[in-house]
């Protein structure tokens, strides 16, 4: 299970005492705001629900991303 956590204190609060690790979907590509939780924490529903609630509060505080408009490139280049 992965949680999104931004403040350094929150990440440190999960990583150091609970054994969570920074989430890296590909080796060498760590996603700074995400942590991967250890099995022991996932099995402890009380501890897990506390951290999930904190992650939800953080996620709700983020500004929504705006959708990008895609521009289409001309398939054929004009000949000189």
C-alpha atoms as a PDB file:
ATOM      1  CA  UNK A   1       0.000   0.000   0.000  1.00  0.00           C
ATOM      2  CA  UNK A   2       1.250   3.467  -0.877  1.00  0.00           C
ATOM      3  CA  UNK A   3       0.316   6.736   0.836  1.00  0.00           C
ATOM      4  CA  UNK A   4       0.921  10.258  -0.371  1.00  0.00           C
ATOM      5  CA  UNK A   5       2.569  12.359   2.300  1.00  0.00           C
ATOM      6  CA  UNK A   6       4.147  15.740   1.765  1.00  0.00           C
ATOM      7  CA  UNK A   7       5.403  17.279   4.961  1.00  0.00           C
ATOM      8  CA  UNK A   8       8.824  15.926   5.853  1.00  0.00           C
ATOM      9  CA  UNK A   9       7.716  15.289   9.435  1.00  0.00           C
ATOM     10  CA  UNK A  10       4.934  12.986   8.203  1.00  0.00           C
ATOM     11  CA  UNK A  11       7.263  10.982   5.966  1.00  0.00           C
ATOM     12  CA  UNK A  12       9.853  10.741   8.695  1.00  0.00           C
ATOM     13  CA  UNK A  13       7.064   9.716  11.084  1.00  0.00           C
ATOM     14  CA  UNK A  14       6.271   6.741   8.863  1.00  0.00           C
ATOM     15  CA  UNK A  15       9.705   5.781   7.616  1.00  0.00           C
ATOM     16  CA  UNK A  16      11.816   5.808  10.752  1.00  0.00           C
ATOM     17  CA  UNK A  17       9.554   4.298  13.446  1.00  0.00           C
ATOM     18  CA  UNK A  18       7.326   2.088  11.271  1.00  0.00           C
ATOM     19  CA  UNK A  19       9.615   0.757   8.546  1.00  0.00           C
ATOM     20  CA  UNK A  20       7.877   2.412   5.601  1.00  0.00           C
ATOM     21  CA  UNK A  21      10.056   3.102   2.564  1.00  0.00           C
ATOM     22  CA  UNK A  22      10.059   5.849  -0.041  1.00  0.00           C
ATOM     23  CA  UNK A  23       7.972   4.653  -2.994  1.00  0.00           C
ATOM     24  CA  UNK A  24       9.945   4.001  -6.190  1.00  0.00           C
ATOM     25  CA  UNK A  25       7.814   2.617  -9.048  1.00  0.00           C
ATOM     26  CA  UNK A  26      11.031   2.072 -11.026  1.00  0.00           C
ATOM     27  CA  UNK A  27      14.480   1.542  -9.544  1.00  0.00           C
ATOM     28  CA  UNK A  28      16.126   4.902  -9.018  1.00  0.00           C
ATOM     29  CA  UNK A  29      12.902   6.898  -9.533  1.00  0.00           C
ATOM     30  CA  UNK A  30      11.700   7.793  -6.044  1.00  0.00           C
ATOM     31  CA  UNK A  31       8.378   9.633  -5.842  1.00  0.00           C
ATOM     32  CA  UNK A  32       9.140  12.160  -3.088  1.00  0.00           C
ATOM     33  CA  UNK A  33       5.636  12.500  -1.656  1.00  0.00           C
ATOM     34  CA  UNK A  34       4.819   8.795  -1.502  1.00  0.00           C
ATOM     35  CA  UNK A  35       5.727   6.054   0.950  1.00  0.00           C
ATOM     36  CA  UNK A  36       5.250   2.291   0.674  1.00  0.00           C
ATOM     37  CA  UNK A  37       3.912   0.783   3.889  1.00  0.00           C
ATOM     38  CA  UNK A  38       5.277  -2.468   5.336  1.00  0.00           C
ATOM     39  CA  UNK A  39       2.995  -5.497   5.743  1.00  0.00           C
ATOM     40  CA  UNK A  40       3.102  -5.189   9.541  1.00  0.00           C
ATOM     41  CA  UNK A  41       1.518  -1.757   9.350  1.00  0.00           C
ATOM     42  CA  UNK A  42      -1.098  -2.835   6.800  1.00  0.00           C
ATOM     43  CA  UNK A  43      -2.215  -5.632   9.160  1.00  0.00           C
ATOM     44  CA  UNK A  44      -2.613  -3.189  12.073  1.00  0.00           C
ATOM     45  CA  UNK A  45      -5.943  -1.598  11.125  1.00  0.00           C
ATOM     46  CA  UNK A  46      -5.921   0.987  13.903  1.00  0.00           C
ATOM     47  CA  UNK A  47      -2.481   2.331  13.018  1.00  0.00           C
ATOM     48  CA  UNK A  48      -3.210   2.079   9.298  1.00  0.00           C
ATOM     49  CA  UNK A  49      -6.497   3.982   9.509  1.00  0.00           C
ATOM     50  CA  UNK A  50      -4.766   6.809  11.371  1.00  0.00           C
ATOM     51  CA  UNK A  51      -2.163   7.249   8.617  1.00  0.00           C
ATOM     52  CA  UNK A  52      -4.708   6.840   5.812  1.00  0.00           C
ATOM     53  CA  UNK A  53      -6.815   9.601   7.408  1.00  0.00           C
ATOM     54  CA  UNK A  54      -3.756  11.888   7.507  1.00  0.00           C
ATOM     55  CA  UNK A  55      -2.983  11.104   3.856  1.00  0.00           C
ATOM     56  CA  UNK A  56      -6.572  11.916   2.867  1.00  0.00           C
ATOM     57  CA  UNK A  57      -6.447  15.263   4.662  1.00  0.00           C
ATOM     58  CA  UNK A  58      -3.211  16.064   2.847  1.00  0.00           C
ATOM     59  CA  UNK A  59      -4.623  14.983  -0.523  1.00  0.00           C
ATOM     60  CA  UNK A  60      -7.710  17.130  -0.038  1.00  0.00           C
ATOM     61  CA  UNK A  61      -5.509  20.144   0.701  1.00  0.00           C
ATOM     62  CA  UNK A  62      -3.820  19.998  -2.707  1.00  0.00           C
ATOM     63  CA  UNK A  63      -4.848  22.350  -5.480  1.00  0.00           C
ATOM     64  CA  UNK A  64      -6.481  20.381  -8.325  1.00  0.00           C
ATOM     65  CA  UNK A  65      -4.418  20.116 -11.468  1.00  0.00           C
ATOM     66  CA  UNK A  66      -5.715  21.922 -14.503  1.00  0.00           C
ATOM     67  CA  UNK A  67      -6.296  19.903 -17.633  1.00  0.00           C
ATOM     68  CA  UNK A  68      -3.938  20.605 -20.487  1.00  0.00           C
ATOM     69  CA  UNK A  69      -5.291  21.218 -23.924  1.00  0.00           C
ATOM     70  CA  UNK A  70      -3.571  19.129 -26.536  1.00  0.00           C
ATOM     71  CA  UNK A  71      -2.443  20.821 -29.701  1.00  0.00           C
ATOM     72  CA  UNK A  72      -2.364  18.755 -32.839  1.00  0.00           C
ATOM     73  CA  UNK A  73       0.660  18.967 -35.050  1.00  0.00           C
ATOM     74  CA  UNK A  74       0.292  19.019 -38.770  1.00  0.00           C
ATOM     75  CA  UNK A  75       0.862  15.538 -40.151  1.00  0.00           C
ATOM     76  CA  UNK A  76       2.389  16.772 -43.383  1.00  0.00           C
ATOM     77  CA  UNK A  77       5.110  19.355 -43.453  1.00  0.00           C
ATOM     78  CA  UNK A  78       4.853  22.057 -46.086  1.00  0.00           C
ATOM     79  CA  UNK A  79       7.293  21.581 -48.939  1.00  0.00           C
ATOM     80  CA  UNK A  80       9.484  24.495 -50.036  1.00  0.00           C
END
